[in-house]
C-alpha cells in the first residue's frame, strides 16, 4: 500500500491487489481516521473512540498507516497521570497528547520534506511521541527502521520500548557478556521476555524468575534456569549473580544485594513507587548506596535510539530474539488492552491491531 498525494487533509491511498498475476491499484480518498483519545487523566474508561482528521507530516517526518500498536506499563502511568511528577512532562491538568500509545508498526503512507531514507509503501516499526492508537500517526523518520523480512507488523510493534529497555540495561548499563550469570525478574513480561533472549545473545547464563504458569514460556525463551517465585524465593538461595535486572522489585534492596556478587550490577526497573514521585525515591537511595559498596546499583531510564532499534532488527532477522505476544486486541478494545497491561500479569507483550 502506498500514498500518492496528500493535500488539504485528504490522503490518496493506493491498495495493491493481485489479478491474474498482475498488480493493479485501487484508489480511494481517506479524509478522516479512527482513533482512541483521552481528554482527562483516569482509568481505562477515560479512553473514548473518535474520528479525527489525518495528520500531515512535517519536515523530517513520516505519515504511517498504523498496522499494530504495543502497550507497556509506561502507557498506563501516563494514562492515569501517576506518579504526579509525570504531569510536569505530559500535562498538568489533562494529557497534552490526546492519543495514547507510543510503539507502532505499519506502512509508510507519505513522507515530509527532507525524508530520503523512507518511501511510501515501506513497512516500518518504531516509536512516536504524538500518539499511536489511531489509523495514522506522524512519526519522526529517525524513529523508524524497516521491518525485518518474515516478521509481521504485529510482532514488530511489540519490540521498540521493551526491546530497547532490555538491550540498554544489559549491554550498556550492566555490560553483560560471555559467562556472566544474569538473573531477570518478571522474565515473562514485556521487558523480561526480551531481556532473557538478549542476555543469551550476549553469551550469559540466564536465570528467569516468573510464576508457575509462565515457567514453560520463560524456558522456551532460552533461560538456562527458571525460578518459580510462588514456591521459591530467589533471594534466599545459594545462587550468586553478576547481573540482576529486577523488573518487579518485590523484594527489599538489601535482600536482592545478598545474591549479587561483590562487584555485580543490580538494575531496578519496575517503574512503580509512590503516587507523587513514583520510583524516584528508591532510585535516589540506590544511587546513594552505590557510593558505599563495590556492588553497582544502577537505576536508569531507557532512551529511544534508532541505532539500538537497528540492533534489535538484526537480532530479530537472525532469530536471536522473537517477540512473545500475550494477546492482540482490536482498536475498539484498547481500554481493555490497557487494563490487562495494568494488571501486571501479561505474558510478553500486549498488542492492539488497527
Protein backbone atom coordinates (compact mmCIF):
# COMPACT_ATOMS: atom_id res chain seq x y z
CA UNK A 1 0.00 0.00 0.00
CA UNK A 2 1.37 3.46 -0.86
CA UNK A 3 0.30 7.08 -0.84
CA UNK A 4 0.47 9.16 -3.98
CA UNK A 5 -0.61 12.57 -2.73
CA UNK A 6 -1.55 14.45 0.40
CA UNK A 7 -3.36 17.78 0.20
CA UNK A 8 -5.80 19.54 2.47
CA UNK A 9 -6.07 16.64 4.91
CA UNK A 10 -7.01 14.13 2.22
CA UNK A 11 -4.78 11.17 1.52
CA UNK A 12 -4.91 9.35 -1.78
CA UNK A 13 -4.12 5.73 -0.91
CA UNK A 14 -3.09 3.03 -3.35
CA UNK A 15 -4.12 -0.50 -2.38
CA UNK A 16 -2.15 -3.12 -4.32
CA UNK A 17 -4.20 -6.11 -5.46
CA UNK A 18 -3.33 -9.24 -7.40
CA UNK A 19 -5.32 -10.12 -10.51
CA UNK A 20 -4.16 -12.96 -12.80
CA UNK A 21 -0.57 -12.39 -11.73
CA UNK A 22 -0.68 -8.62 -12.37
CA UNK A 23 -0.51 -5.91 -9.74
CA UNK A 24 -3.17 -3.23 -10.03
CA UNK A 25 -4.09 -0.29 -7.83
CA UNK A 26 -7.42 0.85 -6.49
CA UNK A 27 -7.58 4.49 -5.41
CA UNK A 28 -9.70 5.86 -2.62
CA UNK A 29 -9.76 9.10 -0.66
CA UNK A 30 -9.31 8.96 3.11
CA UNK A 31 -10.40 12.17 4.83
CA UNK A 32 -10.56 11.01 8.45
CA UNK A 33 -9.24 8.28 10.68
CA UNK A 34 -10.41 6.26 13.63
CA UNK A 35 -8.51 6.91 16.84
CA UNK A 36 -8.65 6.43 20.59
CA UNK A 37 -8.46 9.68 22.57
CA UNK A 38 -8.07 10.67 26.21
CA UNK A 39 -9.39 14.05 27.34
CA UNK A 40 -8.57 13.70 31.06
CA UNK A 41 -6.42 11.55 33.32
CA UNK A 42 -8.07 8.45 34.68
CA UNK A 43 -8.57 4.68 34.36
CA UNK A 44 -9.01 2.93 31.01
CA UNK A 45 -12.65 4.04 30.95
CA UNK A 46 -11.30 7.55 30.27
CA UNK A 47 -10.43 6.41 26.75
CA UNK A 48 -13.01 7.02 24.04
CA UNK A 49 -13.25 6.45 20.28
CA UNK A 50 -13.06 9.41 17.92
CA UNK A 51 -12.96 10.34 14.25
CA UNK A 52 -10.09 12.74 13.61
CA UNK A 53 -8.50 14.38 10.62
CA UNK A 54 -5.47 12.64 9.20
CA UNK A 55 -2.31 14.50 10.28
CA UNK A 56 0.21 15.86 7.82
CA UNK A 57 3.90 15.00 8.19
CA UNK A 58 6.24 17.95 8.56
CA UNK A 59 9.91 18.31 7.76
CA UNK A 60 11.78 15.13 8.66
CA UNK A 61 8.55 13.30 9.49
CA UNK A 62 6.66 10.33 8.06
CA UNK A 63 2.96 9.52 7.99
CA UNK A 64 2.50 5.87 8.95
CA UNK A 65 -0.62 3.84 8.21
CA UNK A 66 -0.62 2.02 11.54
CA UNK A 67 -0.99 -1.74 11.48
CA UNK A 68 -0.40 -2.50 15.17
CA UNK A 69 0.49 -0.78 18.45
CA UNK A 70 2.04 -2.38 21.52
CA UNK A 71 1.35 -1.14 25.02
CA UNK A 72 3.57 -1.15 28.10
CA UNK A 73 3.30 -0.03 31.76
CA UNK A 74 4.54 3.45 30.89
CA UNK A 75 1.41 3.95 28.76
CA UNK A 76 -0.68 3.10 31.83
CA UNK A 77 1.22 5.54 34.06
CA UNK A 78 0.69 8.34 31.54
CA UNK A 79 -3.00 7.45 31.16
CA UNK A 80 -3.73 7.72 34.89
CA UNK A 81 -1.33 10.65 35.38
CA UNK A 82 0.51 8.99 38.26
CA UNK A 83 3.04 9.35 39.67
CA UNK A 84 2.10 13.00 39.57
CA UNK A 85 5.62 14.03 38.61
CA UNK A 86 4.81 12.71 35.11
CA UNK A 87 2.34 15.56 34.66
CA UNK A 88 5.21 18.04 34.53
CA UNK A 89 6.03 16.43 31.18
CA UNK A 90 2.69 15.17 29.87
CA UNK A 91 0.34 17.94 31.03
CA UNK A 92 -0.62 19.29 34.45
CA UNK A 93 -4.42 19.08 34.28
CA UNK A 94 -5.03 16.89 31.27
CA UNK A 95 -2.89 14.85 28.88
CA UNK A 96 -1.05 17.12 26.48
CA UNK A 97 -1.01 14.25 23.99
CA UNK A 98 -4.62 13.38 23.21
CA UNK A 99 -3.92 9.99 21.62
CA UNK A 100 -2.27 7.32 23.84
CA UNK A 101 0.35 4.84 22.75
CA UNK A 102 3.97 5.04 21.65
CA UNK A 103 5.19 1.87 19.92
CA UNK A 104 3.89 1.05 16.45
CA UNK A 105 4.45 -0.74 13.17
CA UNK A 106 2.83 -0.17 9.81
CA UNK A 107 3.33 1.11 6.29
CA UNK A 108 4.71 4.48 5.23
CA UNK A 109 1.80 6.41 3.71
CA UNK A 110 3.54 9.72 2.98
CA UNK A 111 6.82 11.44 3.74
CA UNK A 112 7.56 15.02 4.67
CA UNK A 113 10.27 17.30 3.34
CA UNK A 114 13.89 16.14 3.63
CA UNK A 115 12.97 12.48 4.22
CA UNK A 116 15.02 10.38 1.83
CA UNK A 117 15.63 7.05 3.57
CA UNK A 118 11.96 6.00 3.59
CA UNK A 119 9.39 5.83 0.81
CA UNK A 120 5.63 5.22 0.63
CA UNK A 121 4.96 1.51 0.85
CA UNK A 122 7.87 0.70 3.19
CA UNK A 123 6.99 -1.47 6.20
CA UNK A 124 8.46 0.14 9.31
CA UNK A 125 8.41 -0.04 13.10
CA UNK A 126 9.46 2.35 15.82
CA UNK A 127 8.06 4.88 18.27
CA UNK A 128 6.26 8.21 18.21
CA UNK A 129 5.60 11.00 20.71
CA UNK A 130 2.32 12.11 19.14
CA UNK A 131 0.19 9.06 19.92
CA UNK A 132 -0.09 5.71 18.17
CA UNK A 133 -3.61 4.36 18.84
CA UNK A 134 -5.03 5.58 15.53
CA UNK A 135 -5.21 4.52 11.92
CA UNK A 136 -2.49 7.03 11.03
CA UNK A 137 0.36 8.51 13.04
CA UNK A 138 3.05 11.11 12.33
CA UNK A 139 6.49 9.84 13.30
CA UNK A 140 9.97 11.40 13.03
CA UNK A 141 11.77 9.49 10.28
CA UNK A 142 14.72 8.77 12.58
CA UNK A 143 12.39 6.92 14.97
CA UNK A 144 11.66 4.24 12.37
CA UNK A 145 13.51 1.31 10.82
CA UNK A 146 12.40 -1.31 8.26
CA UNK A 147 10.50 -4.37 9.47
CA UNK A 148 12.78 -7.41 9.01
CA UNK A 149 11.73 -9.96 6.40
CA UNK A 150 9.47 -12.64 7.80
CA UNK A 151 8.27 -10.52 10.73
CA UNK A 152 4.65 -9.40 10.87
CA UNK A 153 3.74 -5.82 11.77
CA UNK A 154 2.04 -7.21 14.89
CA UNK A 155 5.31 -8.77 16.01
CA UNK A 156 7.34 -5.72 15.02
CA UNK A 157 5.09 -3.37 17.02
CA UNK A 158 5.88 -5.38 20.15
CA UNK A 159 9.58 -4.55 20.05
CA UNK A 160 10.59 -0.85 20.39
CA UNK A 161 10.33 0.34 24.01
CA UNK A 162 10.59 -3.02 25.78
CA UNK A 163 13.32 -4.27 23.47
CA UNK A 164 15.40 -1.10 23.77
CA UNK A 165 14.99 -1.10 27.57
CA UNK A 166 16.27 -4.67 27.85
CA UNK A 167 19.12 -4.03 25.40
CA UNK A 168 20.33 -0.84 27.06
CA UNK A 169 20.05 -2.32 30.57
CA UNK A 170 22.07 -5.45 29.81
CA UNK A 171 24.52 -4.28 27.15
CA UNK A 172 25.16 -0.65 28.16
CA UNK A 173 24.49 -0.44 31.91
CA UNK A 174 25.43 -3.94 33.12
CA UNK A 175 27.85 -4.70 30.27
CA UNK A 176 26.76 -8.33 30.45
CA UNK A 177 28.87 -10.71 28.43
CA UNK A 178 30.15 -14.21 27.91
CA UNK A 179 29.83 -16.38 31.01
CA UNK A 180 28.12 -13.77 33.19
CA UNK A 181 25.35 -15.07 35.41
CA UNK A 182 22.28 -12.92 34.77
CA UNK A 183 19.03 -13.06 36.72
CA UNK A 184 15.87 -11.47 35.31
CA UNK A 185 12.78 -10.99 37.45
CA UNK A 186 9.46 -10.58 35.66
CA UNK A 187 11.04 -12.77 32.99
CA UNK A 188 7.70 -13.47 31.29
CA UNK A 189 6.76 -9.77 30.97
CA UNK A 190 7.38 -7.31 28.18
CA UNK A 191 10.90 -6.20 29.12
CA UNK A 192 11.72 -9.51 30.83
CA UNK A 193 10.92 -11.67 27.82
CA UNK A 194 13.31 -9.62 25.67
CA UNK A 195 15.92 -9.48 28.45
CA UNK A 196 16.14 -13.26 28.71
CA UNK A 197 16.79 -13.56 24.98
CA UNK A 198 19.18 -10.60 24.74
CA UNK A 199 21.21 -11.85 27.70
CA UNK A 200 21.54 -15.23 25.96
CA UNK A 201 22.62 -13.49 22.75
CA UNK A 202 25.35 -11.75 24.76
CA UNK A 203 26.65 -15.13 25.95
CA UNK A 204 25.31 -15.03 29.52
CA UNK A 205 23.96 -17.85 31.67
CA UNK A 206 20.40 -16.73 32.34
CA UNK A 207 18.02 -17.38 35.23
CA UNK A 208 14.44 -16.18 34.82
CA UNK A 209 12.02 -15.58 37.68
CA UNK A 210 8.29 -15.93 36.98
CA UNK A 211 5.06 -17.55 38.20
CA UNK A 212 4.15 -21.22 37.77
CA UNK A 213 2.03 -20.64 34.69
CA UNK A 214 4.88 -18.92 32.85
CA UNK A 215 7.72 -21.35 33.57
CA UNK A 216 7.49 -23.06 30.19
CA UNK A 217 7.31 -19.73 28.34
CA UNK A 218 10.47 -18.45 30.03
CA UNK A 219 12.24 -21.75 29.37
CA UNK A 220 11.22 -21.53 25.69
CA UNK A 221 12.81 -18.06 25.50
CA UNK A 222 16.17 -19.67 26.26
CA UNK A 223 16.56 -19.32 30.03
CA UNK A 224 19.09 -21.81 31.43
CA UNK A 225 17.29 -21.88 34.78
CA UNK A 226 13.78 -20.84 35.82
CA UNK A 227 12.71 -19.94 39.36
CA UNK A 228 9.01 -20.17 40.20
CA UNK A 229 8.54 -17.35 42.70
CA UNK A 230 5.33 -18.89 44.06
CA UNK A 231 7.37 -21.71 45.59
CA UNK A 232 10.95 -20.42 45.73
CA UNK A 233 12.44 -17.13 46.96
CA UNK A 234 15.45 -16.40 44.76
CA UNK A 235 16.92 -14.08 47.41
CA UNK A 236 17.24 -16.95 49.92
CA UNK A 237 19.02 -19.39 47.59
CA UNK A 238 22.69 -20.16 47.17
CA UNK A 239 22.93 -18.67 43.67
CA UNK A 240 25.04 -15.57 43.09
CA UNK A 241 24.59 -13.35 40.05
CA UNK A 242 26.83 -10.93 38.22
CA UNK A 243 23.79 -9.03 36.90
CA UNK A 244 20.27 -8.72 38.28
CA UNK A 245 17.65 -6.95 36.17
CA UNK A 246 14.79 -6.51 38.62
CA UNK A 247 11.64 -5.68 36.65
CA UNK A 248 9.37 -6.41 39.63
CA UNK A 249 11.17 -5.09 42.74
CA UNK A 250 9.08 -7.19 45.07
CA UNK A 251 12.00 -7.74 47.47
CA UNK A 252 13.81 -5.19 49.63
CA UNK A 253 17.07 -3.97 48.13
CA UNK A 254 19.10 -5.50 50.96
CA UNK A 255 17.72 -8.96 50.15
CA UNK A 256 18.45 -8.67 46.43
CA UNK A 257 22.00 -7.48 47.13
CA UNK A 258 22.59 -10.65 49.14
CA UNK A 259 22.55 -12.75 45.94
CA UNK A 260 24.56 -10.23 43.91
CA UNK A 261 28.29 -10.89 43.54
CA UNK A 262 30.59 -8.43 45.39
CA UNK A 263 31.19 -6.45 42.19
CA UNK A 264 27.91 -7.29 40.46
CA UNK A 265 25.38 -4.90 38.91
CA UNK A 266 21.76 -4.62 40.03
CA UNK A 267 19.31 -2.66 37.85
CA UNK A 268 15.92 -1.80 39.41
CA UNK A 269 13.36 -1.32 36.64
CA UNK A 270 9.76 -1.68 37.82
CA UNK A 271 8.67 1.94 37.43
CA UNK A 272 6.34 1.59 40.42
CA UNK A 273 6.50 3.69 43.57
CA UNK A 274 4.65 6.40 45.46
CA UNK A 275 1.86 8.40 43.87
CA UNK A 276 3.83 11.66 43.88
CA UNK A 277 7.36 10.86 42.70
CA UNK A 278 7.00 7.19 41.78
CA UNK A 279 10.29 5.28 41.86
CA UNK A 280 12.45 8.41 42.25
CA UNK A 281 12.91 7.95 46.00
CA UNK A 282 14.08 4.37 45.55
CA UNK A 283 16.35 5.43 42.68
CA UNK A 284 18.00 8.10 44.84
CA UNK A 285 18.54 5.62 47.70
CA UNK A 286 20.14 3.14 45.30
CA UNK A 287 22.46 5.78 43.87
CA UNK A 288 23.50 6.94 47.35
CA UNK A 289 24.14 3.37 48.47
CA UNK A 290 26.32 2.75 45.40
CA UNK A 291 28.88 5.15 46.84
CA UNK A 292 29.46 2.83 49.82
CA UNK A 293 29.76 -0.57 48.13
CA UNK A 294 31.62 -2.22 45.28
CA UNK A 295 28.28 -3.52 44.02
CA UNK A 296 26.88 -1.32 41.25
CA UNK A 297 23.25 -0.29 41.83
CA UNK A 298 22.25 1.31 38.55
CA UNK A 299 18.68 2.51 38.07
CA UNK A 300 18.31 4.03 34.62
CA UNK A 301 15.85 5.47 32.13
CA UNK A 302 15.89 3.95 28.68
CA UNK A 303 16.00 6.30 25.70
CA UNK A 304 14.68 5.75 22.21
CA UNK A 305 17.65 5.36 19.85
CA UNK A 306 17.43 4.46 16.18
CA UNK A 307 20.80 2.69 16.32
CA UNK A 308 19.50 0.42 19.07
CA UNK A 309 16.34 -0.26 17.09
CA UNK A 310 18.58 -1.34 14.19
CA UNK A 311 20.42 -3.71 16.56
CA UNK A 312 17.08 -5.20 17.59
CA UNK A 313 16.05 -5.51 13.95
CA UNK A 314 19.21 -7.53 13.29
CA UNK A 315 18.54 -9.77 16.31
CA UNK A 316 15.00 -10.32 15.01
CA UNK A 317 16.17 -11.02 11.46
CA UNK A 318 18.67 -13.63 12.65
CA UNK A 319 16.21 -15.30 15.03
CA UNK A 320 18.17 -14.48 18.18
CA UNK A 321 15.10 -12.76 19.65
CA UNK A 322 11.42 -13.38 18.98
CA UNK A 323 8.61 -11.21 20.39
CA UNK A 324 6.41 -13.01 22.90
CA UNK A 325 2.87 -11.74 22.41
CA UNK A 326 0.20 -12.35 25.02
CA UNK A 327 -2.93 -11.02 23.32
CA UNK A 328 -3.95 -8.89 20.37
CA UNK A 329 -6.95 -6.59 20.76
CA UNK A 330 -8.85 -4.60 18.11
CA UNK A 331 -8.71 -0.80 18.32
CA UNK A 332 -12.15 -0.50 19.89
CA UNK A 333 -10.91 -2.67 22.81
CA UNK A 334 -7.84 -0.53 23.54
CA UNK A 335 -9.15 0.25 27.03
CA UNK A 336 -9.36 -3.45 27.84
CA UNK A 337 -5.83 -3.91 26.49
CA UNK A 338 -4.55 -1.23 28.89
CA UNK A 339 -6.41 -2.88 31.77
CA UNK A 340 -4.58 -6.09 31.01
CA UNK A 341 -1.23 -4.29 30.93
CA UNK A 342 -2.03 -2.61 34.27
CA UNK A 343 -2.82 -5.99 35.85
CA UNK A 344 0.87 -6.88 35.73
CA UNK A 345 0.09 -10.40 34.53
CA UNK A 346 0.64 -10.08 30.78
CA UNK A 347 2.76 -12.85 29.24
CA UNK A 348 5.06 -10.93 26.95
CA UNK A 349 3.58 -8.02 25.04
CA UNK A 350 0.01 -6.74 24.66
CA UNK A 351 -0.77 -5.50 21.14
CA UNK A 352 -3.63 -3.53 19.61
CA UNK A 353 -4.22 -4.37 15.95
CA UNK A 354 -5.58 -1.45 13.96
